[in-house]
Amino acid sequence: MAVSGPKVKSGYVLLKIVIDLNTNNTTLQYSSNGKTFTQLGKNCELSGSNYWKGIRPALFSYNVNNDEGIAMFNWFHYDNDGPVIK
């Protein structure tokens, strides 16, 4: 399922994944200022049968209309503010 969102007018966009293990829901969000985040698409329900794989954040370009397209990512950083597994 392809999801379209608004055009980004700032020079960067921050992406956030909110994972609720109590309800098995994941929400994708974006922000252009780092303070106000807007949900992108619908909630995604995690499968209880394959939870061991976890969430794997990634950036990519996906085109359902043509065999062309480009995505350029200048920088990617991942912070985990969830539980620490030792």
N, C-alpha and C. Protein backbone atom coordinates (compact mmCIF):
# COMPACT_ATOMS: atom_id res chain seq x y z
N MET A 1 0.84 -1.17 0.00
CA MET A 1 0.00 0.00 0.00
C MET A 1 0.88 1.23 0.00
N ALA A 2 0.76 2.07 -0.98
CA ALA A 2 1.52 3.31 -1.07
C ALA A 2 0.81 4.40 -0.27
N VAL A 3 1.60 5.22 0.40
CA VAL A 3 1.06 6.32 1.19
C VAL A 3 1.67 7.61 0.69
N SER A 4 0.84 8.59 0.40
CA SER A 4 1.32 9.90 -0.02
C SER A 4 1.13 10.89 1.11
N GLY A 5 2.04 11.80 1.23
CA GLY A 5 1.95 12.83 2.26
C GLY A 5 2.25 14.19 1.66
N PRO A 6 2.27 15.20 2.49
CA PRO A 6 2.53 16.55 1.98
C PRO A 6 3.99 16.70 1.54
N LYS A 7 4.23 17.67 0.66
CA LYS A 7 5.60 17.97 0.24
C LYS A 7 6.32 18.64 1.40
N VAL A 8 7.57 18.26 1.58
CA VAL A 8 8.39 18.83 2.65
C VAL A 8 8.96 20.15 2.16
N LYS A 9 8.69 21.21 2.90
CA LYS A 9 9.14 22.54 2.50
C LYS A 9 10.42 22.96 3.20
N SER A 10 10.79 22.26 4.28
CA SER A 10 12.04 22.59 4.97
C SER A 10 13.18 21.80 4.34
N GLY A 11 14.39 22.06 4.78
CA GLY A 11 15.55 21.37 4.24
C GLY A 11 15.74 19.97 4.80
N TYR A 12 14.92 19.58 5.77
CA TYR A 12 15.06 18.25 6.37
C TYR A 12 13.71 17.79 6.90
N VAL A 13 13.64 16.51 7.18
CA VAL A 13 12.45 15.94 7.80
C VAL A 13 12.91 14.92 8.84
N LEU A 14 12.25 14.93 9.99
CA LEU A 14 12.54 13.97 11.05
C LEU A 14 11.46 12.91 11.03
N LEU A 15 11.86 11.66 11.13
CA LEU A 15 10.92 10.54 11.13
C LEU A 15 10.91 9.89 12.49
N LYS A 16 9.75 9.43 12.90
CA LYS A 16 9.60 8.82 14.23
C LYS A 16 8.72 7.59 14.11
N ILE A 17 9.11 6.52 14.78
CA ILE A 17 8.30 5.32 14.87
C ILE A 17 7.88 5.17 16.32
N VAL A 18 6.58 5.12 16.56
CA VAL A 18 6.05 4.93 17.91
C VAL A 18 5.52 3.51 18.00
N ILE A 19 6.08 2.72 18.90
CA ILE A 19 5.72 1.31 19.03
C ILE A 19 5.04 1.10 20.37
N ASP A 20 3.83 0.56 20.34
CA ASP A 20 3.09 0.25 21.56
C ASP A 20 2.99 -1.27 21.67
N LEU A 21 3.83 -1.86 22.52
CA LEU A 21 3.84 -3.31 22.64
C LEU A 21 2.62 -3.85 23.36
N ASN A 22 1.89 -2.99 24.08
CA ASN A 22 0.67 -3.43 24.76
C ASN A 22 -0.47 -3.65 23.77
N THR A 23 -0.52 -2.84 22.71
CA THR A 23 -1.60 -2.97 21.72
C THR A 23 -1.08 -3.56 20.40
N ASN A 24 0.23 -3.80 20.29
CA ASN A 24 0.86 -4.30 19.06
C ASN A 24 0.67 -3.35 17.88
N ASN A 25 0.61 -2.04 18.14
CA ASN A 25 0.46 -1.05 17.08
C ASN A 25 1.74 -0.24 16.90
N THR A 26 2.01 0.09 15.65
CA THR A 26 3.13 0.95 15.29
C THR A 26 2.58 2.14 14.52
N THR A 27 3.06 3.34 14.87
CA THR A 27 2.63 4.56 14.19
C THR A 27 3.86 5.24 13.60
N LEU A 28 3.79 5.63 12.34
CA LEU A 28 4.86 6.38 11.69
C LEU A 28 4.50 7.85 11.74
N GLN A 29 5.47 8.70 12.07
CA GLN A 29 5.24 10.14 12.18
C GLN A 29 6.39 10.89 11.52
N TYR A 30 6.13 12.15 11.15
CA TYR A 30 7.17 13.01 10.58
C TYR A 30 7.06 14.41 11.15
N SER A 31 8.16 15.15 11.08
CA SER A 31 8.19 16.52 11.57
C SER A 31 9.22 17.31 10.76
N SER A 32 8.94 18.57 10.52
CA SER A 32 9.92 19.43 9.87
C SER A 32 10.58 20.38 10.86
N ASN A 33 10.15 20.33 12.13
CA ASN A 33 10.76 21.21 13.13
C ASN A 33 11.26 20.46 14.36
N GLY A 34 11.00 19.16 14.47
CA GLY A 34 11.46 18.38 15.60
C GLY A 34 10.61 18.51 16.84
N LYS A 35 9.56 19.32 16.78
CA LYS A 35 8.69 19.53 17.94
C LYS A 35 7.29 19.00 17.71
N THR A 36 6.73 19.28 16.55
CA THR A 36 5.38 18.84 16.21
C THR A 36 5.47 17.70 15.20
N PHE A 37 4.95 16.53 15.59
CA PHE A 37 4.97 15.36 14.70
C PHE A 37 3.56 15.06 14.21
N THR A 38 3.47 14.69 12.94
CA THR A 38 2.19 14.37 12.30
C THR A 38 2.22 12.91 11.87
N GLN A 39 1.11 12.20 12.13
CA GLN A 39 1.03 10.79 11.75
C GLN A 39 1.02 10.66 10.23
N LEU A 40 1.74 9.68 9.73
CA LEU A 40 1.80 9.39 8.30
C LEU A 40 1.13 8.05 8.06
N GLY A 41 0.03 8.06 7.35
CA GLY A 41 -0.69 6.81 7.09
C GLY A 41 -1.48 6.34 8.30
N LYS A 42 -1.86 5.07 8.25
CA LYS A 42 -2.64 4.46 9.33
C LYS A 42 -1.73 3.70 10.27
N ASN A 43 -2.25 3.33 11.45
CA ASN A 43 -1.50 2.48 12.36
C ASN A 43 -1.22 1.14 11.70
N CYS A 44 -0.11 0.55 12.03
CA CYS A 44 0.27 -0.76 11.52
C CYS A 44 0.28 -1.73 12.69
N GLU A 45 -0.46 -2.80 12.58
CA GLU A 45 -0.51 -3.78 13.66
C GLU A 45 0.62 -4.78 13.51
N LEU A 46 1.38 -4.96 14.58
CA LEU A 46 2.47 -5.93 14.59
C LEU A 46 1.92 -7.33 14.71
N SER A 47 2.55 -8.27 14.04
CA SER A 47 2.13 -9.66 14.13
C SER A 47 2.70 -10.28 15.39
N GLY A 48 1.87 -10.92 16.17
CA GLY A 48 2.34 -11.59 17.37
C GLY A 48 3.17 -12.82 17.06
N SER A 49 3.01 -13.38 15.85
CA SER A 49 3.70 -14.62 15.51
C SER A 49 5.15 -14.39 15.08
N ASN A 50 5.49 -13.16 14.67
CA ASN A 50 6.87 -12.93 14.25
C ASN A 50 7.49 -11.71 14.94
N TYR A 51 7.08 -11.45 16.16
CA TYR A 51 7.59 -10.29 16.88
C TYR A 51 9.11 -10.33 17.05
N TRP A 52 9.72 -11.48 17.09
CA TRP A 52 11.15 -11.61 17.31
C TRP A 52 11.98 -10.80 16.32
N LYS A 53 11.43 -10.52 15.14
CA LYS A 53 12.15 -9.74 14.13
C LYS A 53 12.25 -8.27 14.52
N GLY A 54 11.35 -7.81 15.35
CA GLY A 54 11.39 -6.42 15.80
C GLY A 54 11.07 -5.43 14.69
N ILE A 55 11.32 -4.19 14.98
CA ILE A 55 11.09 -3.11 14.02
C ILE A 55 12.43 -2.75 13.40
N ARG A 56 12.47 -2.64 12.09
CA ARG A 56 13.71 -2.33 11.38
C ARG A 56 13.52 -1.04 10.59
N PRO A 57 13.85 0.09 11.19
CA PRO A 57 13.69 1.35 10.46
C PRO A 57 14.64 1.42 9.27
N ALA A 58 14.14 1.95 8.15
CA ALA A 58 14.96 2.09 6.95
C ALA A 58 14.39 3.20 6.07
N LEU A 59 15.20 3.70 5.19
CA LEU A 59 14.76 4.70 4.20
C LEU A 59 14.94 4.10 2.82
N PHE A 60 13.94 4.27 1.96
CA PHE A 60 14.05 3.76 0.61
C PHE A 60 13.06 4.48 -0.29
N SER A 61 13.22 4.32 -1.58
CA SER A 61 12.32 4.88 -2.57
C SER A 61 11.52 3.74 -3.18
N TYR A 62 10.21 3.94 -3.31
CA TYR A 62 9.34 2.88 -3.85
C TYR A 62 8.35 3.53 -4.82
N ASN A 63 8.30 3.06 -6.04
CA ASN A 63 7.46 3.64 -7.08
C ASN A 63 6.55 2.56 -7.63
N VAL A 64 5.24 2.75 -7.52
CA VAL A 64 4.30 1.75 -8.03
C VAL A 64 3.81 2.07 -9.44
N ASN A 65 4.20 3.21 -9.99
CA ASN A 65 3.70 3.63 -11.30
C ASN A 65 4.67 3.37 -12.46
N ASN A 66 5.96 3.52 -12.23
CA ASN A 66 6.95 3.38 -13.30
C ASN A 66 8.18 2.66 -12.78
N ASP A 67 9.03 2.24 -13.71
CA ASP A 67 10.31 1.63 -13.34
C ASP A 67 11.39 2.70 -13.26
N GLU A 68 11.14 3.71 -12.49
CA GLU A 68 12.10 4.80 -12.34
C GLU A 68 11.90 5.49 -11.01
N GLY A 69 12.80 6.34 -10.66
CA GLY A 69 12.71 7.09 -9.42
C GLY A 69 14.07 7.19 -8.75
N ILE A 70 14.15 8.08 -7.82
CA ILE A 70 15.42 8.29 -7.12
C ILE A 70 15.12 8.75 -5.70
N ALA A 71 15.97 8.35 -4.80
CA ALA A 71 15.90 8.83 -3.42
C ALA A 71 17.33 9.15 -2.99
N MET A 72 17.51 10.33 -2.44
CA MET A 72 18.84 10.74 -1.98
C MET A 72 18.75 11.06 -0.50
N PHE A 73 19.51 10.35 0.29
CA PHE A 73 19.53 10.56 1.73
C PHE A 73 20.93 11.01 2.12
N ASN A 74 20.99 12.19 2.70
CA ASN A 74 22.28 12.77 3.07
C ASN A 74 22.77 12.24 4.41
N TRP A 75 21.86 11.90 5.29
CA TRP A 75 22.26 11.52 6.64
C TRP A 75 21.16 10.69 7.27
N PHE A 76 21.52 9.68 8.06
CA PHE A 76 20.55 8.85 8.77
C PHE A 76 21.11 8.54 10.14
N HIS A 77 20.33 8.77 11.18
CA HIS A 77 20.74 8.48 12.55
C HIS A 77 19.57 7.85 13.28
N TYR A 78 19.84 6.83 14.07
CA TYR A 78 18.79 6.12 14.79
C TYR A 78 19.04 6.22 16.28
N ASP A 79 18.03 6.69 17.04
CA ASP A 79 18.08 6.73 18.49
C ASP A 79 17.01 5.80 19.04
N ASN A 80 17.36 5.00 20.02
CA ASN A 80 16.39 4.14 20.69
C ASN A 80 16.13 4.71 22.06
N ASP A 81 14.91 5.17 22.31
CA ASP A 81 14.58 5.68 23.64
C ASP A 81 13.70 4.69 24.40
N GLY A 82 13.66 3.47 23.91
CA GLY A 82 12.84 2.43 24.53
C GLY A 82 13.60 1.65 25.59
N PRO A 83 13.08 0.50 25.96
CA PRO A 83 13.72 -0.30 27.02
C PRO A 83 15.09 -0.79 26.58
N VAL A 84 16.00 -0.85 27.51
CA VAL A 84 17.35 -1.34 27.26
C VAL A 84 17.38 -2.84 27.51
N ILE A 85 17.83 -3.58 26.53
CA ILE A 85 17.91 -5.03 26.66
C ILE A 85 19.36 -5.38 26.96
N LYS A 86 19.58 -6.07 28.07
CA LYS A 86 20.95 -6.43 28.46
C LYS A 86 21.18 -7.91 28.32
